[in-house]
N, C-alpha and C. Protein backbone atom coordinates (compact mmCIF):
# COMPACT_ATOMS: atom_id res chain seq x y z
N UNK A 1 -4.72 199.72 178.46
CA UNK A 1 -5.58 198.56 178.39
C UNK A 1 -4.78 197.37 177.86
N UNK A 2 -5.04 196.18 178.40
CA UNK A 2 -4.33 194.97 177.95
C UNK A 2 -4.83 194.59 176.57
N UNK A 3 -3.88 194.50 175.65
CA UNK A 3 -4.16 194.06 174.28
C UNK A 3 -2.89 193.50 173.68
N UNK A 4 -2.99 192.95 172.49
CA UNK A 4 -1.87 192.27 171.83
C UNK A 4 -0.60 193.11 171.87
N UNK A 5 0.51 192.44 172.19
CA UNK A 5 1.86 193.00 172.21
C UNK A 5 2.11 194.03 173.31
N UNK A 6 1.26 194.09 174.31
CA UNK A 6 1.52 194.93 175.47
C UNK A 6 2.24 194.08 176.52
N UNK A 7 3.17 194.70 177.23
CA UNK A 7 3.83 194.03 178.35
C UNK A 7 2.93 194.23 179.57
N UNK A 8 2.54 193.11 180.16
CA UNK A 8 1.65 193.12 181.32
C UNK A 8 2.45 192.70 182.55
N UNK A 9 2.34 193.48 183.60
CA UNK A 9 2.94 193.14 184.89
C UNK A 9 1.79 192.99 185.88
N UNK A 10 1.77 191.85 186.58
CA UNK A 10 0.68 191.62 187.53
C UNK A 10 1.16 190.79 188.70
N UNK A 11 0.41 190.86 189.77
CA UNK A 11 0.60 190.00 190.92
C UNK A 11 -0.63 189.12 191.03
N UNK A 12 -0.43 187.89 191.48
CA UNK A 12 -1.56 186.98 191.64
C UNK A 12 -1.30 186.00 192.77
N UNK A 13 -2.40 185.45 193.24
CA UNK A 13 -2.37 184.34 194.19
C UNK A 13 -3.10 183.20 193.49
N UNK A 14 -2.49 182.02 193.51
CA UNK A 14 -3.06 180.84 192.86
C UNK A 14 -3.48 179.83 193.92
N UNK A 15 -4.73 179.39 193.81
CA UNK A 15 -5.25 178.34 194.68
C UNK A 15 -6.01 177.34 193.81
N UNK A 16 -6.24 176.16 194.36
CA UNK A 16 -7.13 175.22 193.69
C UNK A 16 -8.54 175.77 193.87
N UNK A 17 -9.34 175.75 192.80
CA UNK A 17 -10.70 176.28 192.86
C UNK A 17 -11.47 175.65 194.02
N UNK A 18 -12.12 176.49 194.81
CA UNK A 18 -12.91 176.02 195.93
C UNK A 18 -12.11 175.73 197.19
N UNK A 19 -10.80 175.93 197.15
CA UNK A 19 -9.94 175.69 198.32
C UNK A 19 -9.23 176.99 198.67
N UNK A 20 -8.75 177.07 199.90
CA UNK A 20 -8.08 178.31 200.31
C UNK A 20 -6.56 178.18 200.39
N UNK A 21 -6.04 176.95 200.37
CA UNK A 21 -4.59 176.76 200.48
C UNK A 21 -3.89 177.30 199.23
N UNK A 22 -2.92 178.18 199.47
CA UNK A 22 -2.19 178.82 198.39
C UNK A 22 -1.23 177.84 197.72
N UNK A 23 -1.26 177.80 196.39
CA UNK A 23 -0.31 176.98 195.62
C UNK A 23 0.94 177.80 195.34
N UNK A 24 0.73 179.05 194.90
CA UNK A 24 1.85 179.97 194.69
C UNK A 24 1.32 181.39 194.68
N UNK A 25 2.24 182.34 194.85
CA UNK A 25 1.87 183.74 194.87
C UNK A 25 3.07 184.57 194.43
N UNK A 26 2.78 185.67 193.74
CA UNK A 26 3.84 186.60 193.37
C UNK A 26 3.91 187.75 194.36
N UNK A 27 2.93 187.88 195.24
CA UNK A 27 2.94 188.95 196.23
C UNK A 27 4.15 188.77 197.15
N UNK A 28 4.87 189.85 197.38
CA UNK A 28 6.06 189.78 198.23
C UNK A 28 7.28 189.27 197.48
N UNK A 29 7.15 189.03 196.19
CA UNK A 29 8.26 188.54 195.38
C UNK A 29 8.26 189.25 194.03
N UNK A 30 8.68 188.53 193.01
CA UNK A 30 8.71 189.07 191.65
C UNK A 30 7.32 188.99 191.04
N UNK A 31 6.81 190.09 190.51
CA UNK A 31 5.53 190.00 189.80
C UNK A 31 5.70 189.22 188.49
N UNK A 32 4.62 188.75 187.95
CA UNK A 32 4.62 188.07 186.66
C UNK A 32 4.61 189.13 185.57
N UNK A 33 5.53 189.00 184.61
CA UNK A 33 5.60 189.92 183.47
C UNK A 33 5.62 189.09 182.19
N UNK A 34 4.82 189.49 181.21
CA UNK A 34 4.79 188.79 179.94
C UNK A 34 4.25 189.70 178.85
N UNK A 35 4.52 189.32 177.60
CA UNK A 35 3.98 190.05 176.46
C UNK A 35 2.67 189.37 176.08
N UNK A 36 1.60 190.14 176.09
CA UNK A 36 0.26 189.61 175.85
C UNK A 36 0.11 189.08 174.42
N UNK A 37 -0.47 187.90 174.31
CA UNK A 37 -0.78 187.21 173.05
C UNK A 37 0.45 186.90 172.20
N UNK A 38 1.52 186.44 172.84
CA UNK A 38 2.69 185.97 172.07
C UNK A 38 2.88 184.47 172.26
N UNK A 39 1.95 183.81 172.93
CA UNK A 39 2.02 182.37 173.09
C UNK A 39 2.80 181.89 174.30
N UNK A 40 3.21 182.81 175.17
CA UNK A 40 3.99 182.39 176.33
C UNK A 40 3.13 182.01 177.53
N UNK A 41 1.87 182.38 177.50
CA UNK A 41 0.97 182.11 178.62
C UNK A 41 -0.18 181.20 178.16
N UNK A 42 -0.85 180.61 179.14
CA UNK A 42 -2.03 179.80 178.83
C UNK A 42 -3.07 180.68 178.14
N UNK A 43 -3.61 180.26 177.00
CA UNK A 43 -4.57 181.10 176.27
C UNK A 43 -5.77 181.55 177.11
N UNK A 44 -6.34 180.66 177.90
CA UNK A 44 -7.51 181.04 178.71
C UNK A 44 -7.13 181.99 179.84
N UNK A 45 -5.89 181.91 180.32
CA UNK A 45 -5.40 182.87 181.32
C UNK A 45 -5.43 184.26 180.70
N UNK A 46 -4.85 184.39 179.51
CA UNK A 46 -4.82 185.69 178.82
C UNK A 46 -6.23 186.17 178.50
N UNK A 47 -7.09 185.26 178.05
CA UNK A 47 -8.46 185.63 177.70
C UNK A 47 -9.16 186.32 178.87
N UNK A 48 -8.89 185.86 180.08
CA UNK A 48 -9.52 186.44 181.27
C UNK A 48 -8.96 187.80 181.64
N UNK A 49 -7.83 188.19 181.06
CA UNK A 49 -7.23 189.49 181.35
C UNK A 49 -7.52 190.53 180.27
N UNK A 50 -8.05 190.10 179.15
CA UNK A 50 -8.27 190.99 178.00
C UNK A 50 -9.05 192.24 178.42
N UNK A 51 -8.56 193.36 177.96
CA UNK A 51 -9.19 194.68 178.16
C UNK A 51 -9.13 195.21 179.59
N UNK A 52 -8.40 194.53 180.49
CA UNK A 52 -8.23 195.09 181.83
C UNK A 52 -7.24 196.25 181.76
N UNK A 53 -7.29 197.12 182.76
CA UNK A 53 -6.42 198.29 182.83
C UNK A 53 -5.54 198.22 184.06
N UNK A 54 -4.50 199.05 184.08
CA UNK A 54 -3.63 199.14 185.24
C UNK A 54 -4.48 199.43 186.47
N UNK A 55 -4.23 198.69 187.55
CA UNK A 55 -4.98 198.86 188.79
C UNK A 55 -6.21 197.97 188.90
N UNK A 56 -6.66 197.38 187.77
CA UNK A 56 -7.82 196.50 187.81
C UNK A 56 -7.49 195.21 188.56
N UNK A 57 -8.47 194.70 189.28
CA UNK A 57 -8.34 193.43 189.97
C UNK A 57 -9.01 192.34 189.13
N UNK A 58 -8.57 191.11 189.32
CA UNK A 58 -9.18 189.98 188.62
C UNK A 58 -9.32 188.81 189.56
N UNK A 59 -10.26 187.95 189.25
CA UNK A 59 -10.50 186.73 190.01
C UNK A 59 -11.25 185.79 189.08
N UNK A 60 -10.59 184.72 188.63
CA UNK A 60 -11.21 183.79 187.69
C UNK A 60 -10.70 182.38 187.92
N UNK A 61 -11.46 181.41 187.42
CA UNK A 61 -11.11 179.99 187.54
C UNK A 61 -10.85 179.46 186.14
N UNK A 62 -9.75 178.70 186.00
CA UNK A 62 -9.49 177.96 184.78
C UNK A 62 -9.76 176.50 185.07
N UNK A 63 -10.61 175.89 184.29
CA UNK A 63 -10.85 174.45 184.40
C UNK A 63 -9.56 173.73 184.02
N UNK A 64 -9.36 172.54 184.56
CA UNK A 64 -8.12 171.78 184.32
C UNK A 64 -7.82 171.69 182.82
N UNK A 65 -8.83 171.42 182.01
CA UNK A 65 -8.62 171.27 180.56
C UNK A 65 -8.07 172.55 179.93
N UNK A 66 -8.39 173.71 180.51
CA UNK A 66 -7.91 175.00 179.98
C UNK A 66 -6.63 175.47 180.66
N UNK A 67 -6.20 174.73 181.67
CA UNK A 67 -4.99 175.10 182.40
C UNK A 67 -3.87 174.14 181.99
N UNK A 68 -3.59 173.13 182.83
CA UNK A 68 -2.49 172.21 182.55
C UNK A 68 -2.98 170.82 182.17
N UNK A 69 -4.25 170.72 181.80
CA UNK A 69 -4.79 169.46 181.30
C UNK A 69 -5.23 168.52 182.40
N UNK A 70 -5.89 167.47 181.95
CA UNK A 70 -6.31 166.41 182.87
C UNK A 70 -5.11 165.49 183.10
N UNK A 71 -5.19 164.71 184.16
CA UNK A 71 -4.14 163.74 184.44
C UNK A 71 -4.20 162.64 183.38
N UNK A 72 -3.07 162.33 182.78
CA UNK A 72 -2.97 161.29 181.77
C UNK A 72 -2.30 160.09 182.42
N UNK A 73 -3.06 159.02 182.57
CA UNK A 73 -2.54 157.84 183.28
C UNK A 73 -1.29 157.26 182.62
N UNK A 74 -1.22 157.31 181.28
CA UNK A 74 -0.05 156.75 180.58
C UNK A 74 1.22 157.58 180.81
N UNK A 75 1.08 158.77 181.41
CA UNK A 75 2.25 159.60 181.71
C UNK A 75 2.88 159.20 183.05
N UNK A 76 2.30 158.19 183.70
CA UNK A 76 2.87 157.63 184.92
C UNK A 76 3.47 156.28 184.51
N UNK A 77 4.77 156.14 184.68
CA UNK A 77 5.44 154.95 184.17
C UNK A 77 6.52 154.45 185.11
N UNK A 78 6.80 153.16 185.03
CA UNK A 78 7.88 152.58 185.82
C UNK A 78 9.15 152.54 184.97
N UNK A 79 10.24 152.91 185.61
CA UNK A 79 11.54 152.96 184.94
C UNK A 79 12.51 152.10 185.76
N UNK A 80 13.27 151.25 185.08
CA UNK A 80 14.26 150.44 185.82
C UNK A 80 15.27 151.34 186.51
N UNK A 81 15.63 150.99 187.73
CA UNK A 81 16.64 151.76 188.46
C UNK A 81 17.96 151.79 187.71
N UNK A 82 18.20 150.76 186.91
CA UNK A 82 19.46 150.71 186.16
C UNK A 82 19.59 151.88 185.18
N UNK A 83 18.46 152.52 184.84
CA UNK A 83 18.52 153.69 183.96
C UNK A 83 19.21 154.87 184.66
N UNK A 84 19.36 154.77 185.97
CA UNK A 84 19.99 155.83 186.75
C UNK A 84 21.35 155.40 187.29
N UNK A 85 22.02 154.55 186.52
CA UNK A 85 23.31 154.05 187.00
C UNK A 85 24.46 154.66 186.21
N UNK A 86 25.57 154.76 186.90
CA UNK A 86 26.82 155.19 186.28
C UNK A 86 27.87 154.18 186.67
N UNK A 87 28.61 153.72 185.70
CA UNK A 87 29.64 152.71 185.94
C UNK A 87 29.05 151.47 186.61
N UNK A 88 27.81 151.12 186.22
CA UNK A 88 27.16 149.92 186.73
C UNK A 88 26.58 150.04 188.13
N UNK A 89 26.65 151.24 188.71
CA UNK A 89 26.13 151.43 190.07
C UNK A 89 24.99 152.45 190.05
N UNK A 90 23.84 152.06 190.64
CA UNK A 90 22.67 152.94 190.69
C UNK A 90 22.94 154.08 191.67
N UNK A 91 22.62 155.30 191.25
CA UNK A 91 22.78 156.48 192.11
C UNK A 91 21.58 156.56 193.05
N UNK A 92 21.72 155.96 194.23
CA UNK A 92 20.63 155.90 195.21
C UNK A 92 20.29 157.28 195.78
N UNK A 93 21.21 158.23 195.68
CA UNK A 93 20.96 159.55 196.26
C UNK A 93 19.81 160.28 195.57
N UNK A 94 19.51 159.91 194.33
CA UNK A 94 18.40 160.57 193.64
C UNK A 94 17.08 159.85 193.86
N UNK A 95 17.11 158.71 194.49
CA UNK A 95 15.89 157.91 194.71
C UNK A 95 15.15 158.43 195.94
N UNK A 96 14.46 159.58 195.77
CA UNK A 96 13.75 160.22 196.87
C UNK A 96 12.32 160.50 196.41
N UNK A 97 11.33 160.04 197.18
CA UNK A 97 9.93 160.31 196.84
C UNK A 97 9.70 161.80 196.72
N UNK A 98 9.00 162.20 195.66
CA UNK A 98 8.70 163.61 195.43
C UNK A 98 9.77 164.38 194.69
N UNK A 99 10.93 163.77 194.48
CA UNK A 99 12.02 164.45 193.78
C UNK A 99 11.67 164.59 192.30
N UNK A 100 11.95 165.76 191.75
CA UNK A 100 11.74 166.02 190.33
C UNK A 100 13.05 165.75 189.61
N UNK A 101 12.97 164.89 188.61
CA UNK A 101 14.16 164.55 187.82
C UNK A 101 13.97 164.95 186.37
N UNK A 102 14.95 165.64 185.79
CA UNK A 102 14.88 165.94 184.36
C UNK A 102 15.22 164.66 183.59
N UNK A 103 14.40 164.34 182.62
CA UNK A 103 14.59 163.13 181.82
C UNK A 103 14.59 163.53 180.34
N UNK A 104 15.02 162.58 179.51
CA UNK A 104 15.07 162.82 178.07
C UNK A 104 14.63 161.55 177.36
N UNK A 105 13.76 161.70 176.34
CA UNK A 105 13.33 160.52 175.59
C UNK A 105 14.33 160.23 174.47
N UNK A 106 14.07 159.16 173.72
CA UNK A 106 15.01 158.73 172.67
C UNK A 106 15.17 159.76 171.55
N UNK A 107 14.19 160.70 171.45
CA UNK A 107 14.26 161.74 170.43
C UNK A 107 14.93 163.03 170.94
N UNK A 108 15.38 163.00 172.19
CA UNK A 108 16.05 164.17 172.75
C UNK A 108 15.12 165.17 173.41
N UNK A 109 13.81 164.87 173.48
CA UNK A 109 12.86 165.77 174.14
C UNK A 109 13.04 165.68 175.65
N UNK A 110 13.00 166.83 176.32
CA UNK A 110 13.19 166.87 177.77
C UNK A 110 11.85 166.90 178.49
N UNK A 111 11.79 166.18 179.62
CA UNK A 111 10.59 166.13 180.46
C UNK A 111 11.03 166.13 181.91
N UNK A 112 10.21 166.72 182.77
CA UNK A 112 10.44 166.60 184.20
C UNK A 112 9.50 165.54 184.72
N UNK A 113 10.03 164.63 185.51
CA UNK A 113 9.22 163.58 186.12
C UNK A 113 9.37 163.63 187.63
N UNK A 114 8.29 163.32 188.32
CA UNK A 114 8.29 163.30 189.78
C UNK A 114 8.30 161.85 190.23
N UNK A 115 9.21 161.50 191.13
CA UNK A 115 9.25 160.15 191.66
C UNK A 115 8.07 159.97 192.62
N UNK A 116 7.17 159.03 192.29
CA UNK A 116 5.97 158.81 193.10
C UNK A 116 5.99 157.47 193.84
N UNK A 117 6.91 156.59 193.45
CA UNK A 117 7.01 155.29 194.12
C UNK A 117 8.39 154.72 193.87
N UNK A 118 8.96 154.10 194.90
CA UNK A 118 10.28 153.47 194.78
C UNK A 118 10.13 152.00 195.12
N UNK A 119 10.51 151.13 194.19
CA UNK A 119 10.45 149.68 194.39
C UNK A 119 11.88 149.12 194.40
N UNK A 120 12.01 147.81 194.55
CA UNK A 120 13.34 147.19 194.59
C UNK A 120 14.15 147.45 193.32
N UNK A 121 13.52 147.24 192.16
CA UNK A 121 14.25 147.34 190.89
C UNK A 121 13.79 148.49 190.00
N UNK A 122 12.69 149.15 190.37
CA UNK A 122 12.14 150.22 189.52
C UNK A 122 11.73 151.41 190.36
N UNK A 123 11.55 152.53 189.67
CA UNK A 123 10.90 153.67 190.30
C UNK A 123 9.73 154.05 189.40
N UNK A 124 8.66 154.51 190.00
CA UNK A 124 7.50 154.99 189.24
C UNK A 124 7.59 156.50 189.19
N UNK A 125 7.50 157.03 187.96
CA UNK A 125 7.59 158.47 187.76
C UNK A 125 6.33 158.99 187.09
N UNK A 126 5.93 160.19 187.51
CA UNK A 126 4.76 160.86 186.94
C UNK A 126 5.25 162.02 186.10
N UNK A 127 4.95 161.98 184.80
CA UNK A 127 5.38 163.03 183.87
C UNK A 127 4.27 164.02 183.56
N UNK A 128 3.14 163.94 184.27
CA UNK A 128 2.10 164.96 184.15
C UNK A 128 2.61 166.26 184.75
N UNK A 129 2.09 167.38 184.28
CA UNK A 129 2.40 168.66 184.92
C UNK A 129 1.91 168.57 186.37
N UNK A 130 2.66 169.13 187.33
CA UNK A 130 2.24 169.04 188.73
C UNK A 130 0.83 169.59 189.00
N UNK A 131 0.34 170.49 188.14
CA UNK A 131 -1.00 171.05 188.34
C UNK A 131 -2.04 170.42 187.41
N UNK A 132 -1.67 169.34 186.72
CA UNK A 132 -2.64 168.64 185.86
C UNK A 132 -3.77 168.11 186.73
N UNK A 133 -4.99 168.22 186.20
CA UNK A 133 -6.16 167.71 186.90
C UNK A 133 -6.78 168.69 187.88
N UNK A 134 -6.18 169.85 188.06
CA UNK A 134 -6.69 170.83 189.01
C UNK A 134 -7.40 171.98 188.29
N UNK A 135 -8.57 172.37 188.79
CA UNK A 135 -9.19 173.63 188.40
C UNK A 135 -8.51 174.70 189.23
N UNK A 136 -8.03 175.76 188.59
CA UNK A 136 -7.18 176.75 189.26
C UNK A 136 -7.85 178.11 189.37
N UNK A 137 -7.75 178.72 190.53
CA UNK A 137 -8.30 180.04 190.78
C UNK A 137 -7.15 181.05 190.83
N UNK A 138 -7.20 182.03 189.94
CA UNK A 138 -6.21 183.11 189.91
C UNK A 138 -6.89 184.38 190.42
N UNK A 139 -6.29 184.99 191.43
CA UNK A 139 -6.82 186.23 191.98
C UNK A 139 -5.67 187.22 192.08
N UNK A 140 -5.86 188.44 191.56
CA UNK A 140 -4.76 189.39 191.61
C UNK A 140 -5.12 190.75 191.08
N UNK A 141 -4.06 191.47 190.69
CA UNK A 141 -4.21 192.86 190.26
C UNK A 141 -3.18 193.18 189.18
N UNK A 142 -3.60 193.97 188.20
CA UNK A 142 -2.71 194.43 187.13
C UNK A 142 -1.89 195.60 187.68
N UNK A 143 -0.55 195.45 187.69
CA UNK A 143 0.34 196.49 188.22
C UNK A 143 0.73 197.51 187.16
N UNK A 144 1.00 197.02 185.95
CA UNK A 144 1.50 197.92 184.91
C UNK A 144 1.20 197.33 183.54
N UNK A 145 0.97 198.22 182.59
CA UNK A 145 0.80 197.84 181.19
C UNK A 145 1.63 198.83 180.38
N UNK A 146 2.46 198.31 179.49
CA UNK A 146 3.27 199.20 178.65
C UNK A 146 3.42 198.57 177.26
N UNK A 147 3.88 199.40 176.35
CA UNK A 147 4.18 198.91 175.00
C UNK A 147 5.43 198.03 175.06
N UNK A 148 5.44 196.94 174.33
CA UNK A 148 6.64 196.12 174.21
C UNK A 148 7.62 196.83 173.28
N UNK A 149 8.90 196.67 173.53
CA UNK A 149 9.90 197.26 172.64
C UNK A 149 9.99 196.43 171.36
N UNK A 150 10.60 197.00 170.34
CA UNK A 150 10.78 196.26 169.09
C UNK A 150 11.59 194.99 169.31
N UNK A 151 12.63 195.09 170.14
CA UNK A 151 13.47 193.93 170.44
C UNK A 151 12.66 192.84 171.15
N UNK A 152 11.83 193.23 172.11
CA UNK A 152 11.00 192.26 172.82
C UNK A 152 10.02 191.57 171.86
N UNK A 153 9.42 192.34 170.98
CA UNK A 153 8.48 191.75 170.01
C UNK A 153 9.20 190.84 169.03
N UNK A 154 10.40 191.24 168.61
CA UNK A 154 11.17 190.43 167.68
C UNK A 154 11.50 189.06 168.29
N UNK A 155 11.84 189.06 169.58
CA UNK A 155 12.23 187.82 170.25
C UNK A 155 11.08 187.11 170.93
N UNK A 156 9.97 187.80 171.13
CA UNK A 156 8.80 187.18 171.74
C UNK A 156 8.88 187.03 173.24
N UNK A 157 9.85 187.72 173.86
CA UNK A 157 9.95 187.68 175.33
C UNK A 157 10.59 188.98 175.82
N UNK A 158 10.55 189.16 177.13
CA UNK A 158 11.03 190.40 177.74
C UNK A 158 12.54 190.45 177.83
N UNK A 159 13.05 191.67 177.77
CA UNK A 159 14.47 191.93 177.96
C UNK A 159 14.58 192.90 179.12
N UNK A 160 15.49 192.63 180.05
CA UNK A 160 15.67 193.54 181.19
C UNK A 160 16.02 194.93 180.71
N UNK A 161 15.66 195.93 181.53
CA UNK A 161 15.99 197.32 181.18
C UNK A 161 17.47 197.46 180.91
N UNK A 162 17.81 198.22 179.88
CA UNK A 162 19.20 198.45 179.54
C UNK A 162 19.80 197.34 178.70
N UNK A 163 19.04 196.26 178.47
CA UNK A 163 19.54 195.15 177.66
C UNK A 163 19.62 195.62 176.21
N UNK A 164 20.68 195.27 175.54
CA UNK A 164 20.83 195.71 174.16
C UNK A 164 21.14 194.52 173.26
N UNK A 165 21.55 194.81 172.06
CA UNK A 165 21.80 193.75 171.08
C UNK A 165 23.00 192.89 171.43
N UNK A 166 23.87 193.35 172.33
CA UNK A 166 24.98 192.51 172.76
C UNK A 166 24.43 191.25 173.40
N UNK A 167 23.39 191.41 174.21
CA UNK A 167 22.72 190.24 174.82
C UNK A 167 22.13 189.39 173.70
N UNK A 168 21.53 190.06 172.74
CA UNK A 168 20.90 189.35 171.63
C UNK A 168 21.92 188.50 170.88
N UNK A 169 23.06 189.09 170.53
CA UNK A 169 24.07 188.35 169.79
C UNK A 169 24.65 187.21 170.61
N UNK A 170 24.77 187.43 171.90
CA UNK A 170 25.39 186.42 172.75
C UNK A 170 24.47 185.22 172.98
N UNK A 171 23.19 185.45 173.22
CA UNK A 171 22.32 184.35 173.63
C UNK A 171 21.35 183.83 172.57
N UNK A 172 20.93 184.66 171.68
CA UNK A 172 19.86 184.22 170.78
C UNK A 172 20.36 183.63 169.48
N UNK A 173 21.65 183.54 169.31
CA UNK A 173 22.18 182.98 168.09
C UNK A 173 22.09 181.46 168.05
N UNK A 174 21.98 180.80 169.22
CA UNK A 174 21.96 179.34 169.18
C UNK A 174 20.53 178.83 169.32
N UNK A 175 20.25 177.77 168.62
CA UNK A 175 18.90 177.20 168.53
C UNK A 175 18.36 176.72 169.87
N UNK A 176 19.22 176.31 170.79
CA UNK A 176 18.77 175.71 172.04
C UNK A 176 18.64 176.72 173.16
N UNK A 177 18.59 178.01 172.85
CA UNK A 177 18.50 179.04 173.89
C UNK A 177 17.26 178.81 174.74
N UNK A 178 17.46 178.81 176.04
CA UNK A 178 16.33 178.74 176.96
C UNK A 178 16.32 180.00 177.77
N UNK A 179 15.18 180.67 177.81
CA UNK A 179 15.06 181.92 178.55
C UNK A 179 14.83 181.64 180.02
N UNK A 180 15.30 182.56 180.82
CA UNK A 180 14.88 182.58 182.21
C UNK A 180 14.15 183.89 182.39
N UNK A 181 13.16 183.91 183.21
CA UNK A 181 12.39 185.12 183.41
C UNK A 181 11.33 185.33 182.35
N UNK A 182 11.16 184.38 181.45
CA UNK A 182 10.09 184.50 180.46
C UNK A 182 8.81 183.94 181.06
N UNK A 183 7.67 184.54 180.78
CA UNK A 183 6.40 183.96 181.20
C UNK A 183 6.23 182.65 180.45
N UNK A 184 5.89 181.59 181.10
CA UNK A 184 5.85 180.29 180.44
C UNK A 184 4.64 179.50 180.84
N UNK A 185 4.37 178.49 180.04
CA UNK A 185 3.22 177.61 180.31
C UNK A 185 3.49 176.79 181.52
C-alpha cells in the first residue's frame, strides 16, 4: 500500500481536464518513480494516490491552484535583446518563438523562460510554468510499491540499483548537486 517513505512506480497519461489531447505520458517509456511524501511531488498528486496498491488504477483532476498554479501576469516580462549579447553582438540564433531559455536573476536564482514575442529591441518571456493555469487530469496505474532503502531516505531521492556510497561521495558532497531522474515538481 502507498504510504510515507515507500518507493512508488507508476505509469500515467496527462491531459488537460475535459480534453483528450495528451500532454505527456509515461506509457511506452520510463515510468515515474518517487519516494512518497518526501516533498518531491505535488502534494495533491500524492494525496490522490494515498492507500492505493500495486495494480490499482487511478483517474483524478488537479485544479490549477493545486498543480502548477494560476498564470501570474507579472511573470511575463520584456527583456532587452542586449541582455543576450556577447562582445556587443546579440545572439540572434536564440531568438526563436517558443524557445525555452535558462535565465538567472541578480540573486543567482535560476528560471526557465519561454520566448513568447520578439520585437526590434526586446523579447517578451513568460516565466510561468508551462502548465500554469491548467486543470490537469492524471490517469494511470500503480506498477510497483517497495520500501525505500536507507540511502534513498537519507538523500530524499532514488538511487539506481547497485548504486553505493561511491556515488554518494562523488555527487552529494557539493551544495549545488542537481539530481536527474528524481521525481520533481
